[in-house]
Amino acid sequence: MMKTIVFFLEEPSAKEMLEGLLPRILPPDATPRYIVFQGKQDLEKNLVKRLRGWLLPESVFVVMRDQDAGDCFTVKKRLVDLCLQAGKEDTLVRVACRELESFYLGDLQAVEKGLGLRGIASEQRKSKFRNPDELGNPSEELSKLTHGIYQKKPGSRAIAPCLDLSANKSHSFNVLLAGIKRLIDDKDHNGKA
């Protein structure tokens, strides 16, 4: 039976990233759907209502937002609590540490290839890019690294299809992938993750 994976996202660039990534990991009988909010406040304000209102059977849910300056565990707990309020305790909640751009900084080869640049992949050897989840402002780092060429939506669209699914230096990217794969592999379609 076909399974729908519904992603609740804080911003359009997250949708662009997933659209470039998911075709490589989803089976043919899984259909992604995207609910994109206007930032993290909008996501948190409307998440319970949107989760409760989702009526399509055989659906599983993923909530994803950036950590930004918040504490990762606090951010995740708040999102998990909202999912519980909605009666969707099996929702997969993932937080990008600190920002979605950490995923790209974790695979500078993909940035180089996706944006058609040269000389960026070699930066991966530098200590600051070995654990991009610890960078304070990943979007600023990526902008500097690409000399302003990276822009959120078109950059996500270009880089995501090039991301290496097995060698990314971003721990939060790898945790997101593992969670999505668990949802897909859940044979009894109950969405537990």
C-alpha atoms as a PDB file:
ATOM      1  CA  MET A   1       0.000   0.000   0.000  1.00  0.00           C
ATOM      2  CA  MET A   2       1.232   3.476  -0.835  1.00  0.00           C
ATOM      3  CA  LYS A   3       2.511   5.563   2.056  1.00  0.00           C
ATOM      4  CA  THR A   4       2.402   9.344   2.142  1.00  0.00           C
ATOM      5  CA  ILE A   5       5.225  11.094   3.972  1.00  0.00           C
ATOM      6  CA  VAL A   6       4.087  14.543   5.038  1.00  0.00           C
ATOM      7  CA  PHE A   7       6.819  17.065   5.802  1.00  0.00           C
ATOM      8  CA  PHE A   8       6.011  20.086   7.966  1.00  0.00           C
ATOM      9  CA  LEU A   9       8.735  22.623   7.210  1.00  0.00           C
ATOM     10  CA  GLU A  10       9.605  26.092   8.469  1.00  0.00           C
ATOM     11  CA  GLU A  11      10.783  27.482   5.126  1.00  0.00           C
ATOM     12  CA  PRO A  12      10.670  26.966   1.337  1.00  0.00           C
ATOM     13  CA  SER A  13      14.408  26.164   1.109  1.00  0.00           C
ATOM     14  CA  ALA A  14      13.829  23.015   3.205  1.00  0.00           C
ATOM     15  CA  LYS A  15      11.259  21.875   0.636  1.00  0.00           C
ATOM     16  CA  GLU A  16      13.750  22.546  -2.177  1.00  0.00           C
ATOM     17  CA  MET A  17      16.365  20.470  -0.356  1.00  0.00           C
ATOM     18  CA  LEU A  18      13.992  17.555   0.224  1.00  0.00           C
ATOM     19  CA  GLU A  19      12.741  17.609  -3.377  1.00  0.00           C
ATOM     20  CA  GLY A  20      16.323  17.125  -4.534  1.00  0.00           C
ATOM     21  CA  LEU A  21      17.090  14.475  -1.932  1.00  0.00           C
ATOM     22  CA  LEU A  22      14.001  12.277  -1.568  1.00  0.00           C
ATOM     23  CA  PRO A  23      13.819  10.843  -5.113  1.00  0.00           C
ATOM     24  CA  ARG A  24      17.064   9.032  -4.293  1.00  0.00           C
ATOM     25  CA  ILE A  25      15.808   7.436  -1.080  1.00  0.00           C
ATOM     26  CA  LEU A  26      12.040   6.990  -1.357  1.00  0.00           C
ATOM     27  CA  PRO A  27      10.587   3.823  -2.863  1.00  0.00           C
ATOM     28  CA  PRO A  28       8.160   4.231  -5.781  1.00  0.00           C
ATOM     29  CA  ASP A  29       5.133   3.621  -3.537  1.00  0.00           C
ATOM     30  CA  ALA A  30       5.983   6.507  -1.166  1.00  0.00           C
ATOM     31  CA  THR A  31       4.692   9.974  -1.936  1.00  0.00           C
ATOM     32  CA  PRO A  32       6.100  13.083  -0.257  1.00  0.00           C
ATOM     33  CA  ARG A  33       3.848  16.006   0.574  1.00  0.00           C
ATOM     34  CA  TYR A  34       5.083  19.345   1.871  1.00  0.00           C
ATOM     35  CA  ILE A  35       3.423  21.800   4.219  1.00  0.00           C
ATOM     36  CA  VAL A  36       5.644  24.887   4.226  1.00  0.00           C
ATOM     37  CA  PHE A  37       5.211  27.514   6.916  1.00  0.00           C
ATOM     38  CA  GLN A  38       6.363  31.125   7.033  1.00  0.00           C
ATOM     39  CA  GLY A  39       9.112  30.605   9.596  1.00  0.00           C
ATOM     40  CA  LYS A  40       9.460  28.755  12.874  1.00  0.00           C
ATOM     41  CA  GLN A  41       6.845  30.796  14.782  1.00  0.00           C
ATOM     42  CA  ASP A  42       4.230  30.065  12.107  1.00  0.00           C
ATOM     43  CA  LEU A  43       5.208  26.371  12.175  1.00  0.00           C
ATOM     44  CA  GLU A  44       4.864  26.112  15.947  1.00  0.00           C
ATOM     45  CA  LYS A  45       1.652  28.162  16.059  1.00  0.00           C
ATOM     46  CA  ASN A  46      -0.158  26.071  13.429  1.00  0.00           C
ATOM     47  CA  LEU A  47       1.416  22.614  13.734  1.00  0.00           C
ATOM     48  CA  VAL A  48      -1.189  21.063  16.056  1.00  0.00           C
ATOM     49  CA  LYS A  49      -4.093  22.212  13.871  1.00  0.00           C
ATOM     50  CA  ARG A  50      -2.437  21.041  10.656  1.00  0.00           C
ATOM     51  CA  LEU A  51      -1.477  17.632  12.085  1.00  0.00           C
ATOM     52  CA  ARG A  52      -4.977  17.068  13.495  1.00  0.00           C
ATOM     53  CA  GLY A  53      -6.527  18.138  10.212  1.00  0.00           C
ATOM     54  CA  TRP A  54      -4.570  15.669   8.073  1.00  0.00           C
ATOM     55  CA  LEU A  55      -7.031  12.936   7.107  1.00  0.00           C
ATOM     56  CA  LEU A  56      -5.287  10.980   4.359  1.00  0.00           C
ATOM     57  CA  PRO A  57      -4.809   7.387   5.607  1.00  0.00           C
ATOM     58  CA  GLU A  58      -1.412   5.650   5.511  1.00  0.00           C
ATOM     59  CA  SER A  59       0.361   8.947   6.200  1.00  0.00           C
ATOM     60  CA  VAL A  60       3.447   9.423   8.328  1.00  0.00           C
ATOM     61  CA  PHE A  61       4.743  12.779   9.475  1.00  0.00           C
ATOM     62  CA  VAL A  62       8.094  14.547   9.682  1.00  0.00           C
ATOM     63  CA  VAL A  63       8.516  17.945  11.335  1.00  0.00           C
ATOM     64  CA  MET A  64      11.731  19.742  10.512  1.00  0.00           C
ATOM     65  CA  ARG A  65      13.042  23.130  11.548  1.00  0.00           C
ATOM     66  CA  ASP A  66      16.326  24.898  12.136  1.00  0.00           C
ATOM     67  CA  GLN A  67      17.825  25.092  15.607  1.00  0.00           C
ATOM     68  CA  ASP A  68      19.019  28.650  15.012  1.00  0.00           C
ATOM     69  CA  ALA A  69      20.148  30.177  18.327  1.00  0.00           C
ATOM     70  CA  GLY A  70      17.929  27.919  20.468  1.00  0.00           C
ATOM     71  CA  ASP A  71      18.931  24.869  22.468  1.00  0.00           C
ATOM     72  CA  CYS A  72      18.526  21.809  20.238  1.00  0.00           C
ATOM     73  CA  PHE A  73      16.933  19.652  22.955  1.00  0.00           C
ATOM     74  CA  THR A  74      14.505  22.408  23.980  1.00  0.00           C
ATOM     75  CA  VAL A  75      13.486  23.042  20.366  1.00  0.00           C
ATOM     76  CA  LYS A  76      12.934  19.339  19.728  1.00  0.00           C
ATOM     77  CA  LYS A  77      11.007  18.819  22.972  1.00  0.00           C
ATOM     78  CA  ARG A  78       8.675  21.723  22.136  1.00  0.00           C
ATOM     79  CA  LEU A  79       7.974  20.244  18.691  1.00  0.00           C
ATOM     80  CA  VAL A  80       7.467  16.738  20.119  1.00  0.00           C
ATOM     81  CA  ASP A  81       5.030  18.174  22.690  1.00  0.00           C
ATOM     82  CA  LEU A  82       3.050  19.875  19.905  1.00  0.00           C
ATOM     83  CA  CYS A  83       2.867  16.561  18.018  1.00  0.00           C
ATOM     84  CA  LEU A  84       1.608  14.854  21.185  1.00  0.00           C
ATOM     85  CA  GLN A  85      -1.060  17.554  21.595  1.00  0.00           C
ATOM     86  CA  ALA A  86      -2.199  16.759  18.063  1.00  0.00           C
ATOM     87  CA  GLY A  87      -2.420  13.039  18.873  1.00  0.00           C
ATOM     88  CA  LYS A  88       0.422  12.219  16.468  1.00  0.00           C
ATOM     89  CA  GLU A  89       2.968  10.702  18.855  1.00  0.00           C
ATOM     90  CA  ASP A  90       4.656   8.790  16.021  1.00  0.00           C
ATOM     91  CA  THR A  91       5.731  11.974  14.232  1.00  0.00           C
ATOM     92  CA  LEU A  92       9.428  12.144  13.404  1.00  0.00           C
ATOM     93  CA  VAL A  93      10.875  15.436  14.652  1.00  0.00           C
ATOM     94  CA  ARG A  94      14.230  16.584  13.311  1.00  0.00           C
ATOM     95  CA  VAL A  95      16.168  19.756  14.047  1.00  0.00           C
ATOM     96  CA  ALA A  96      18.842  21.025  11.657  1.00  0.00           C
ATOM     97  CA  CYS A  97      21.792  22.083  13.829  1.00  0.00           C
ATOM     98  CA  ARG A  98      22.005  25.202  13.506  1.00  0.00           C
ATOM     99  CA  GLU A  99      20.581  25.749  10.042  1.00  0.00           C
ATOM    100  CA  LEU A 100      19.778  23.828   6.891  1.00  0.00           C
ATOM    101  CA  GLU A 101      23.035  25.156   5.423  1.00  0.00           C
ATOM    102  CA  SER A 102      24.941  22.885   7.842  1.00  0.00           C
ATOM    103  CA  PHE A 103      23.841  20.019   5.592  1.00  0.00           C
ATOM    104  CA  TYR A 104      25.552  21.689   2.632  1.00  0.00           C
ATOM    105  CA  LEU A 105      28.669  22.613   4.591  1.00  0.00           C
ATOM    106  CA  GLY A 106      28.882  18.923   5.480  1.00  0.00           C
ATOM    107  CA  ASP A 107      29.355  18.083   1.794  1.00  0.00           C
ATOM    108  CA  LEU A 108      31.360  20.811   0.096  1.00  0.00           C
ATOM    109  CA  GLN A 109      31.833  18.581  -2.960  1.00  0.00           C
ATOM    110  CA  ALA A 110      28.048  18.861  -3.488  1.00  0.00           C
ATOM    111  CA  VAL A 111      28.225  22.652  -3.058  1.00  0.00           C
ATOM    112  CA  GLU A 112      31.001  22.866  -5.636  1.00  0.00           C
ATOM    113  CA  LYS A 113      29.171  20.626  -8.092  1.00  0.00           C
ATOM    114  CA  GLY A 114      25.680  22.044  -7.514  1.00  0.00           C
ATOM    115  CA  LEU A 115      26.714  25.681  -7.819  1.00  0.00           C
ATOM    116  CA  GLY A 116      29.261  25.075 -10.582  1.00  0.00           C
ATOM    117  CA  LEU A 117      32.178  26.424  -8.542  1.00  0.00           C
ATOM    118  CA  ARG A 118      35.782  25.318  -8.185  1.00  0.00           C
ATOM    119  CA  GLY A 119      38.070  24.937  -5.186  1.00  0.00           C
ATOM    120  CA  ILE A 120      35.402  24.644  -2.501  1.00  0.00           C
ATOM    121  CA  ALA A 121      35.531  20.879  -1.872  1.00  0.00           C
ATOM    122  CA  SER A 122      39.124  21.103  -0.627  1.00  0.00           C
ATOM    123  CA  GLU A 123      37.908  23.319   2.236  1.00  0.00           C
ATOM    124  CA  GLN A 124      36.264  20.212   3.781  1.00  0.00           C
ATOM    125  CA  ARG A 125      39.645  19.294   5.272  1.00  0.00           C
ATOM    126  CA  LYS A 126      39.644  22.439   7.421  1.00  0.00           C
ATOM    127  CA  SER A 127      38.653  21.802  11.026  1.00  0.00           C
ATOM    128  CA  LYS A 128      35.685  24.200  10.928  1.00  0.00           C
ATOM    129  CA  PHE A 129      33.993  22.128   8.201  1.00  0.00           C
ATOM    130  CA  ARG A 130      34.623  18.741   9.801  1.00  0.00           C
ATOM    131  CA  ASN A 131      31.642  19.269  12.106  1.00  0.00           C
ATOM    132  CA  PRO A 132      29.461  21.920  10.444  1.00  0.00           C
ATOM    133  CA  ASP A 133      26.652  21.482  13.003  1.00  0.00           C
ATOM    134  CA  GLU A 134      28.825  23.391  15.477  1.00  0.00           C
ATOM    135  CA  LEU A 135      29.187  26.506  13.318  1.00  0.00           C
ATOM    136  CA  GLY A 136      27.363  29.537  14.721  1.00  0.00           C
ATOM    137  CA  ASN A 137      25.987  30.863  11.425  1.00  0.00           C
ATOM    138  CA  PRO A 138      26.138  28.248   8.639  1.00  0.00           C
ATOM    139  CA  SER A 139      24.243  30.356   6.077  1.00  0.00           C
ATOM    140  CA  GLU A 140      26.768  33.176   6.517  1.00  0.00           C
ATOM    141  CA  GLU A 141      29.675  30.692   6.245  1.00  0.00           C
ATOM    142  CA  LEU A 142      28.217  29.257   3.042  1.00  0.00           C
ATOM    143  CA  SER A 143      27.673  32.702   1.577  1.00  0.00           C
ATOM    144  CA  LYS A 144      31.305  33.658   2.341  1.00  0.00           C
ATOM    145  CA  LEU A 145      32.618  30.374   0.967  1.00  0.00           C
ATOM    146  CA  THR A 146      30.700  30.813  -2.304  1.00  0.00           C
ATOM    147  CA  HIS A 147      31.398  34.567  -2.530  1.00  0.00           C
ATOM    148  CA  GLY A 148      27.684  35.336  -2.285  1.00  0.00           C
ATOM    149  CA  ILE A 149      26.594  32.914  -5.012  1.00  0.00           C
ATOM    150  CA  TYR A 150      24.630  30.706  -2.597  1.00  0.00           C
ATOM    151  CA  GLN A 151      21.028  31.892  -2.130  1.00  0.00           C
ATOM    152  CA  LYS A 152      18.619  29.852   0.014  1.00  0.00           C
ATOM    153  CA  LYS A 153      15.996  28.555  -2.448  1.00  0.00           C
ATOM    154  CA  PRO A 154      17.964  28.270  -5.704  1.00  0.00           C
ATOM    155  CA  GLY A 155      21.037  27.101  -3.790  1.00  0.00           C
ATOM    156  CA  SER A 156      19.070  24.355  -2.052  1.00  0.00           C
ATOM    157  CA  ARG A 157      17.552  23.323  -5.385  1.00  0.00           C
ATOM    158  CA  ALA A 158      21.005  23.093  -6.995  1.00  0.00           C
ATOM    159  CA  ILE A 159      22.960  21.461  -4.151  1.00  0.00           C
ATOM    160  CA  ALA A 160      20.485  18.867  -2.816  1.00  0.00           C
ATOM    161  CA  PRO A 161      20.611  16.464  -5.793  1.00  0.00           C
ATOM    162  CA  CYS A 162      24.405  16.384  -5.429  1.00  0.00           C
ATOM    163  CA  LEU A 163      24.506  15.576  -1.704  1.00  0.00           C
ATOM    164  CA  ASP A 164      26.347  12.373  -0.869  1.00  0.00           C
ATOM    165  CA  LEU A 165      23.953  10.222   1.151  1.00  0.00           C
ATOM    166  CA  SER A 166      26.709   8.340   2.940  1.00  0.00           C
ATOM    167  CA  ALA A 167      29.552  10.756   3.643  1.00  0.00           C
ATOM    168  CA  ASN A 168      28.033  14.003   4.912  1.00  0.00           C
ATOM    169  CA  LYS A 169      29.912  15.624   7.816  1.00  0.00           C
ATOM    170  CA  SER A 170      26.671  17.061   9.287  1.00  0.00           C
ATOM    171  CA  HIS A 171      25.421  14.796  12.056  1.00  0.00           C
ATOM    172  CA  SER A 172      21.939  16.371  11.919  1.00  0.00           C
ATOM    173  CA  PHE A 173      21.739  15.597   8.168  1.00  0.00           C
ATOM    174  CA  ASN A 174      22.633  11.963   8.819  1.00  0.00           C
ATOM    175  CA  VAL A 175      20.081  11.724  11.649  1.00  0.00           C
ATOM    176  CA  LEU A 176      17.391  13.172   9.345  1.00  0.00           C
ATOM    177  CA  LEU A 177      18.210  10.619   6.634  1.00  0.00           C
ATOM    178  CA  ALA A 178      18.202   7.725   9.101  1.00  0.00           C
ATOM    179  CA  GLY A 179      14.823   8.812  10.463  1.00  0.00           C
ATOM    180  CA  ILE A 180      13.243   9.077   7.010  1.00  0.00           C
ATOM    181  CA  LYS A 181      14.640   5.663   6.074  1.00  0.00           C
ATOM    182  CA  ARG A 182      13.145   4.190   9.267  1.00  0.00           C
ATOM    183  CA  LEU A 183       9.736   5.618   8.363  1.00  0.00           C
ATOM    184  CA  ILE A 184      10.016   4.102   4.886  1.00  0.00           C
ATOM    185  CA  ASP A 185      11.203   0.721   6.151  1.00  0.00           C
ATOM    186  CA  ASP A 186       8.420   0.442   8.722  1.00  0.00           C
ATOM    187  CA  LYS A 187       6.712  -2.579   7.190  1.00  0.00           C
ATOM    188  CA  ASP A 188       3.479  -2.345   9.153  1.00  0.00           C
ATOM    189  CA  HIS A 189       2.958   1.311   8.105  1.00  0.00           C
ATOM    190  CA  ASN A 190       2.291   2.543  11.615  1.00  0.00           C
ATOM    191  CA  GLY A 191       4.876   5.322  11.331  1.00  0.00           C
ATOM    192  CA  LYS A 192       6.832   4.602  14.510  1.00  0.00           C
ATOM    193  CA  ALA A 193      10.275   6.175  14.474  1.00  0.00           C
END
